[in-house]
Amino acid sequence: MKPAGGISKSKLALHYLIMVKEVLGQDWLNNHWFRFGASSLANDVLLQLVKQKTGAYQSADYFAID
């Protein structure tokens, strides 16, 4: 399963991960059965990781654009 179409924010990706775990089970949460294919999601995850580490949001200008 590869969800697509507008999954560009990490919060939405978490919703999908929770839904898959609740409906299909923990075994589906691996890159063989379930993966995202959005480079904009990768940028948002990086922004969230930097925010977690530094305590402040960074400008998206500091990260690659698709």
PDB file of N, CA and C in Angstrom:
ATOM      1  N   MET A   1       0.846  -1.160   0.000  1.00  0.00           N
ATOM      2  CA  MET A   1       0.000   0.000   0.000  1.00  0.00           C
ATOM      3  C   MET A   1       0.898   1.231   0.000  1.00  0.00           C
ATOM      4  N   LYS A   2       0.609   2.147  -0.901  1.00  0.00           N
ATOM      5  CA  LYS A   2       1.383   3.388  -0.982  1.00  0.00           C
ATOM      6  C   LYS A   2       0.399   4.552  -1.074  1.00  0.00           C
ATOM      7  N   PRO A   3       0.021   5.126   0.079  1.00  0.00           N
ATOM      8  CA  PRO A   3      -0.904   6.248   0.034  1.00  0.00           C
ATOM      9  C   PRO A   3      -0.295   7.422  -0.730  1.00  0.00           C
ATOM     10  N   ALA A   4      -1.108   8.109  -1.457  1.00  0.00           N
ATOM     11  CA  ALA A   4      -0.616   9.250  -2.238  1.00  0.00           C
ATOM     12  C   ALA A   4      -1.709  10.300  -2.307  1.00  0.00           C
ATOM     13  N   GLY A   5      -1.349  11.426  -2.853  1.00  0.00           N
ATOM     14  CA  GLY A   5      -2.346  12.463  -3.077  1.00  0.00           C
ATOM     15  C   GLY A   5      -2.499  13.421  -1.920  1.00  0.00           C
ATOM     16  N   GLY A   6      -1.530  14.273  -1.740  1.00  0.00           N
ATOM     17  CA  GLY A   6      -1.681  15.320  -0.750  1.00  0.00           C
ATOM     18  C   GLY A   6      -1.143  15.022   0.634  1.00  0.00           C
ATOM     19  N   ILE A   7      -0.399  13.950   0.804  1.00  0.00           N
ATOM     20  CA  ILE A   7       0.191  13.673   2.113  1.00  0.00           C
ATOM     21  C   ILE A   7       1.528  14.399   2.173  1.00  0.00           C
ATOM     22  N   SER A   8       1.464  15.654   2.558  1.00  0.00           N
ATOM     23  CA  SER A   8       2.679  16.467   2.576  1.00  0.00           C
ATOM     24  C   SER A   8       3.051  16.920   3.979  1.00  0.00           C
ATOM     25  N   LYS A   9       2.234  16.606   4.957  1.00  0.00           N
ATOM     26  CA  LYS A   9       2.494  17.008   6.341  1.00  0.00           C
ATOM     27  C   LYS A   9       2.643  15.767   7.219  1.00  0.00           C
ATOM     28  N   SER A  10       3.580  15.845   8.147  1.00  0.00           N
ATOM     29  CA  SER A  10       3.858  14.697   9.007  1.00  0.00           C
ATOM     30  C   SER A  10       2.658  14.342   9.883  1.00  0.00           C
ATOM     31  N   LYS A  11       1.870  15.323  10.272  1.00  0.00           N
ATOM     32  CA  LYS A  11       0.689  15.048  11.094  1.00  0.00           C
ATOM     33  C   LYS A  11      -0.309  14.164  10.346  1.00  0.00           C
ATOM     34  N   LEU A  12      -0.516  14.433   9.067  1.00  0.00           N
ATOM     35  CA  LEU A  12      -1.416  13.605   8.264  1.00  0.00           C
ATOM     36  C   LEU A  12      -0.840  12.203   8.074  1.00  0.00           C
ATOM     37  N   ALA A  13       0.474  12.115   7.888  1.00  0.00           N
ATOM     38  CA  ALA A  13       1.116  10.805   7.752  1.00  0.00           C
ATOM     39  C   ALA A  13       0.910   9.972   9.014  1.00  0.00           C
ATOM     40  N   LEU A  14       0.983  10.611  10.180  1.00  0.00           N
ATOM     41  CA  LEU A  14       0.730   9.895  11.433  1.00  0.00           C
ATOM     42  C   LEU A  14      -0.690   9.354  11.487  1.00  0.00           C
ATOM     43  N   HIS A  15      -1.640  10.120  10.974  1.00  0.00           N
ATOM     44  CA  HIS A  15      -3.025   9.640  10.920  1.00  0.00           C
ATOM     45  C   HIS A  15      -3.112   8.352  10.098  1.00  0.00           C
ATOM     46  N   TYR A  16      -2.430   8.320   8.955  1.00  0.00           N
ATOM     47  CA  TYR A  16      -2.424   7.117   8.122  1.00  0.00           C
ATOM     48  C   TYR A  16      -1.754   5.953   8.840  1.00  0.00           C
ATOM     49  N   LEU A  17      -0.642   6.209   9.508  1.00  0.00           N
ATOM     50  CA  LEU A  17       0.054   5.142  10.228  1.00  0.00           C
ATOM     51  C   LEU A  17      -0.831   4.546  11.320  1.00  0.00           C
ATOM     52  N   ILE A  18      -1.518   5.396  12.053  1.00  0.00           N
ATOM     53  CA  ILE A  18      -2.419   4.918  13.098  1.00  0.00           C
ATOM     54  C   ILE A  18      -3.564   4.124  12.495  1.00  0.00           C
ATOM     55  N   MET A  19      -4.134   4.614  11.395  1.00  0.00           N
ATOM     56  CA  MET A  19      -5.237   3.916  10.749  1.00  0.00           C
ATOM     57  C   MET A  19      -4.806   2.527  10.276  1.00  0.00           C
ATOM     58  N   VAL A  20      -3.647   2.432   9.645  1.00  0.00           N
ATOM     59  CA  VAL A  20      -3.162   1.134   9.162  1.00  0.00           C
ATOM     60  C   VAL A  20      -2.929   0.188  10.332  1.00  0.00           C
ATOM     61  N   LYS A  21      -2.316   0.683  11.397  1.00  0.00           N
ATOM     62  CA  LYS A  21      -2.063  -0.176  12.558  1.00  0.00           C
ATOM     63  C   LYS A  21      -3.371  -0.670  13.163  1.00  0.00           C
ATOM     64  N   GLU A  22      -4.360   0.209  13.304  1.00  0.00           N
ATOM     65  CA  GLU A  22      -5.629  -0.173  13.912  1.00  0.00           C
ATOM     66  C   GLU A  22      -6.433  -1.134  13.037  1.00  0.00           C
ATOM     67  N   VAL A  23      -6.379  -0.950  11.723  1.00  0.00           N
ATOM     68  CA  VAL A  23      -7.188  -1.774  10.820  1.00  0.00           C
ATOM     69  C   VAL A  23      -6.470  -3.055  10.410  1.00  0.00           C
ATOM     70  N   LEU A  24      -5.194  -2.951  10.046  1.00  0.00           N
ATOM     71  CA  LEU A  24      -4.470  -4.094   9.489  1.00  0.00           C
ATOM     72  C   LEU A  24      -3.479  -4.731  10.457  1.00  0.00           C
ATOM     73  N   GLY A  25      -3.071  -3.997  11.484  1.00  0.00           N
ATOM     74  CA  GLY A  25      -2.163  -4.549  12.478  1.00  0.00           C
ATOM     75  C   GLY A  25      -0.728  -4.074  12.321  1.00  0.00           C
ATOM     76  N   GLN A  26       0.041  -4.304  13.372  1.00  0.00           N
ATOM     77  CA  GLN A  26       1.438  -3.869  13.458  1.00  0.00           C
ATOM     78  C   GLN A  26       2.296  -4.419  12.321  1.00  0.00           C
ATOM     79  N   ASP A  27       2.016  -5.636  11.862  1.00  0.00           N
ATOM     80  CA  ASP A  27       2.836  -6.259  10.813  1.00  0.00           C
ATOM     81  C   ASP A  27       2.844  -5.465   9.510  1.00  0.00           C
ATOM     82  N   TRP A  28       1.828  -4.652   9.273  1.00  0.00           N
ATOM     83  CA  TRP A  28       1.766  -3.859   8.043  1.00  0.00           C
ATOM     84  C   TRP A  28       2.616  -2.597   8.100  1.00  0.00           C
ATOM     85  N   LEU A  29       3.104  -2.251   9.275  1.00  0.00           N
ATOM     86  CA  LEU A  29       3.887  -1.022   9.415  1.00  0.00           C
ATOM     87  C   LEU A  29       5.360  -1.280   9.134  1.00  0.00           C
ATOM     88  N   ASN A  30       5.649  -1.635   7.906  1.00  0.00           N
ATOM     89  CA  ASN A  30       7.035  -1.778   7.453  1.00  0.00           C
ATOM     90  C   ASN A  30       7.102  -1.333   5.997  1.00  0.00           C
ATOM     91  N   ASN A  31       8.309  -1.105   5.507  1.00  0.00           N
ATOM     92  CA  ASN A  31       8.449  -0.545   4.157  1.00  0.00           C
ATOM     93  C   ASN A  31       8.144  -1.539   3.041  1.00  0.00           C
ATOM     94  N   HIS A  32       7.926  -2.790   3.374  1.00  0.00           N
ATOM     95  CA  HIS A  32       7.527  -3.763   2.349  1.00  0.00           C
ATOM     96  C   HIS A  32       6.028  -3.640   2.046  1.00  0.00           C
ATOM     97  N   TRP A  33       5.227  -3.416   3.074  1.00  0.00           N
ATOM     98  CA  TRP A  33       3.779  -3.375   2.913  1.00  0.00           C
ATOM     99  C   TRP A  33       3.196  -1.967   2.872  1.00  0.00           C
ATOM    100  N   PHE A  34       3.867  -1.027   3.499  1.00  0.00           N
ATOM    101  CA  PHE A  34       3.278   0.306   3.626  1.00  0.00           C
ATOM    102  C   PHE A  34       4.373   1.359   3.531  1.00  0.00           C
ATOM    103  N   ARG A  35       4.196   2.313   2.619  1.00  0.00           N
ATOM    104  CA  ARG A  35       5.191   3.379   2.486  1.00  0.00           C
ATOM    105  C   ARG A  35       4.548   4.621   1.891  1.00  0.00           C
ATOM    106  N   PHE A  36       5.189   5.740   2.164  1.00  0.00           N
ATOM    107  CA  PHE A  36       4.751   7.017   1.607  1.00  0.00           C
ATOM    108  C   PHE A  36       5.651   7.358   0.435  1.00  0.00           C
ATOM    109  N   GLY A  37       5.136   8.109  -0.518  1.00  0.00           N
ATOM    110  CA  GLY A  37       5.928   8.478  -1.680  1.00  0.00           C
ATOM    111  C   GLY A  37       5.881   9.966  -1.959  1.00  0.00           C
ATOM    112  N   ALA A  38       6.086  10.758  -0.928  1.00  0.00           N
ATOM    113  CA  ALA A  38       5.972  12.207  -1.115  1.00  0.00           C
ATOM    114  C   ALA A  38       7.232  12.904  -0.628  1.00  0.00           C
ATOM    115  N   SER A  39       7.945  13.541  -1.545  1.00  0.00           N
ATOM    116  CA  SER A  39       9.158  14.255  -1.142  1.00  0.00           C
ATOM    117  C   SER A  39       8.820  15.466  -0.278  1.00  0.00           C
ATOM    118  N   SER A  40       7.648  16.058  -0.481  1.00  0.00           N
ATOM    119  CA  SER A  40       7.259  17.189   0.367  1.00  0.00           C
ATOM    120  C   SER A  40       7.025  16.729   1.802  1.00  0.00           C
ATOM    121  N   LEU A  41       6.608  15.475   1.982  1.00  0.00           N
ATOM    122  CA  LEU A  41       6.474  14.915   3.325  1.00  0.00           C
ATOM    123  C   LEU A  41       7.845  14.804   3.982  1.00  0.00           C
ATOM    124  N   ALA A  42       8.842  14.395   3.237  1.00  0.00           N
ATOM    125  CA  ALA A  42      10.204  14.299   3.780  1.00  0.00           C
ATOM    126  C   ALA A  42      10.677  15.661   4.275  1.00  0.00           C
ATOM    127  N   ASN A  43      10.397  16.710   3.529  1.00  0.00           N
ATOM    128  CA  ASN A  43      10.775  18.059   3.958  1.00  0.00           C
ATOM    129  C   ASN A  43      10.069  18.445   5.254  1.00  0.00           C
ATOM    130  N   ASP A  44       8.789  18.106   5.373  1.00  0.00           N
ATOM    131  CA  ASP A  44       8.058  18.443   6.591  1.00  0.00           C
ATOM    132  C   ASP A  44       8.591  17.653   7.783  1.00  0.00           C
ATOM    133  N   VAL A  45       8.939  16.393   7.581  1.00  0.00           N
ATOM    134  CA  VAL A  45       9.521  15.596   8.665  1.00  0.00           C
ATOM    135  C   VAL A  45      10.835  16.229   9.120  1.00  0.00           C
ATOM    136  N   LEU A  46      11.655  16.677   8.177  1.00  0.00           N
ATOM    137  CA  LEU A  46      12.902  17.362   8.548  1.00  0.00           C
ATOM    138  C   LEU A  46      12.620  18.623   9.361  1.00  0.00           C
ATOM    139  N   LEU A  47      11.644  19.404   8.935  1.00  0.00           N
ATOM    140  CA  LEU A  47      11.274  20.607   9.685  1.00  0.00           C
ATOM    141  C   LEU A  47      10.855  20.253  11.113  1.00  0.00           C
ATOM    142  N   GLN A  48      10.073  19.174  11.254  1.00  0.00           N
ATOM    143  CA  GLN A  48       9.611  18.765  12.582  1.00  0.00           C
ATOM    144  C   GLN A  48      10.767  18.272  13.449  1.00  0.00           C
ATOM    145  N   LEU A  49      11.712  17.545  12.854  1.00  0.00           N
ATOM    146  CA  LEU A  49      12.872  17.062  13.612  1.00  0.00           C
ATOM    147  C   LEU A  49      13.735  18.219  14.105  1.00  0.00           C
ATOM    148  N   VAL A  50      13.946  19.211  13.252  1.00  0.00           N
ATOM    149  CA  VAL A  50      14.730  20.384  13.652  1.00  0.00           C
ATOM    150  C   VAL A  50      13.991  21.148  14.749  1.00  0.00           C
ATOM    151  N   LYS A  51      12.675  21.264  14.624  1.00  0.00           N
ATOM    152  CA  LYS A  51      11.885  21.946  15.655  1.00  0.00           C
ATOM    153  C   LYS A  51      12.006  21.205  16.976  1.00  0.00           C
ATOM    154  N   GLN A  52      11.956  19.885  16.933  1.00  0.00           N
ATOM    155  CA  GLN A  52      12.075  19.076  18.148  1.00  0.00           C
ATOM    156  C   GLN A  52      13.439  19.285  18.808  1.00  0.00           C
ATOM    157  N   LYS A  53      14.475  19.379  18.002  1.00  0.00           N
ATOM    158  CA  LYS A  53      15.841  19.514  18.522  1.00  0.00           C
ATOM    159  C   LYS A  53      16.133  20.929  19.029  1.00  0.00           C
ATOM    160  N   THR A  54      15.672  21.939  18.293  1.00  0.00           N
ATOM    161  CA  THR A  54      16.031  23.321  18.630  1.00  0.00           C
ATOM    162  C   THR A  54      14.946  24.061  19.402  1.00  0.00           C
ATOM    163  N   GLY A  55      13.716  23.580  19.314  1.00  0.00           N
ATOM    164  CA  GLY A  55      12.610  24.260  19.980  1.00  0.00           C
ATOM    165  C   GLY A  55      11.975  25.364  19.154  1.00  0.00           C
ATOM    166  N   ALA A  56      12.448  25.553  17.927  1.00  0.00           N
ATOM    167  CA  ALA A  56      11.896  26.610  17.069  1.00  0.00           C
ATOM    168  C   ALA A  56      11.721  26.090  15.649  1.00  0.00           C
ATOM    169  N   TYR A  57      10.650  26.541  15.011  1.00  0.00           N
ATOM    170  CA  TYR A  57      10.444  26.178  13.614  1.00  0.00           C
ATOM    171  C   TYR A  57      11.433  26.920  12.728  1.00  0.00           C
ATOM    172  N   GLN A  58      11.891  26.254  11.687  1.00  0.00           N
ATOM    173  CA  GLN A  58      12.798  26.849  10.715  1.00  0.00           C
ATOM    174  C   GLN A  58      12.004  27.229   9.468  1.00  0.00           C
ATOM    175  N   SER A  59      12.572  28.072   8.664  1.00  0.00           N
ATOM    176  CA  SER A  59      11.957  28.423   7.395  1.00  0.00           C
ATOM    177  C   SER A  59      12.106  27.251   6.428  1.00  0.00           C
ATOM    178  N   ALA A  60      11.072  26.996   5.670  1.00  0.00           N
ATOM    179  CA  ALA A  60      11.145  25.937   4.657  1.00  0.00           C
ATOM    180  C   ALA A  60      12.192  26.261   3.598  1.00  0.00           C
ATOM    181  N   ASP A  61      12.618  27.517   3.526  1.00  0.00           N
ATOM    182  CA  ASP A  61      13.646  27.924   2.557  1.00  0.00           C
ATOM    183  C   ASP A  61      14.987  27.243   2.807  1.00  0.00           C
ATOM    184  N   TYR A  62      15.193  26.736   4.026  1.00  0.00           N
ATOM    185  CA  TYR A  62      16.457  26.082   4.361  1.00  0.00           C
ATOM    186  C   TYR A  62      16.506  24.623   3.914  1.00  0.00           C
ATOM    187  N   PHE A  63      15.416  24.126   3.368  1.00  0.00           N
ATOM    188  CA  PHE A  63      15.324  22.728   2.979  1.00  0.00           C
ATOM    189  C   PHE A  63      15.073  22.617   1.480  1.00  0.00           C
ATOM    190  N   ALA A  64      15.425  21.476   0.929  1.00  0.00           N
ATOM    191  CA  ALA A  64      15.253  21.247  -0.509  1.00  0.00           C
ATOM    192  C   ALA A  64      13.780  21.313  -0.889  1.00  0.00           C
ATOM    193  N   ILE A  65      13.538  21.825  -2.053  1.00  0.00           N
ATOM    194  CA  ILE A  65      12.178  21.849  -2.590  1.00  0.00           C
ATOM    195  C   ILE A  65      12.111  20.802  -3.682  1.00  0.00           C
ATOM    196  N   ASP A  66      11.224  19.841  -3.496  1.00  0.00           N
ATOM    197  CA  ASP A  66      11.051  18.719  -4.432  1.00  0.00           C
ATOM    198  C   ASP A  66      12.119  18.747  -5.447  1.00  0.00           C
TER     199      ASP A  66
END
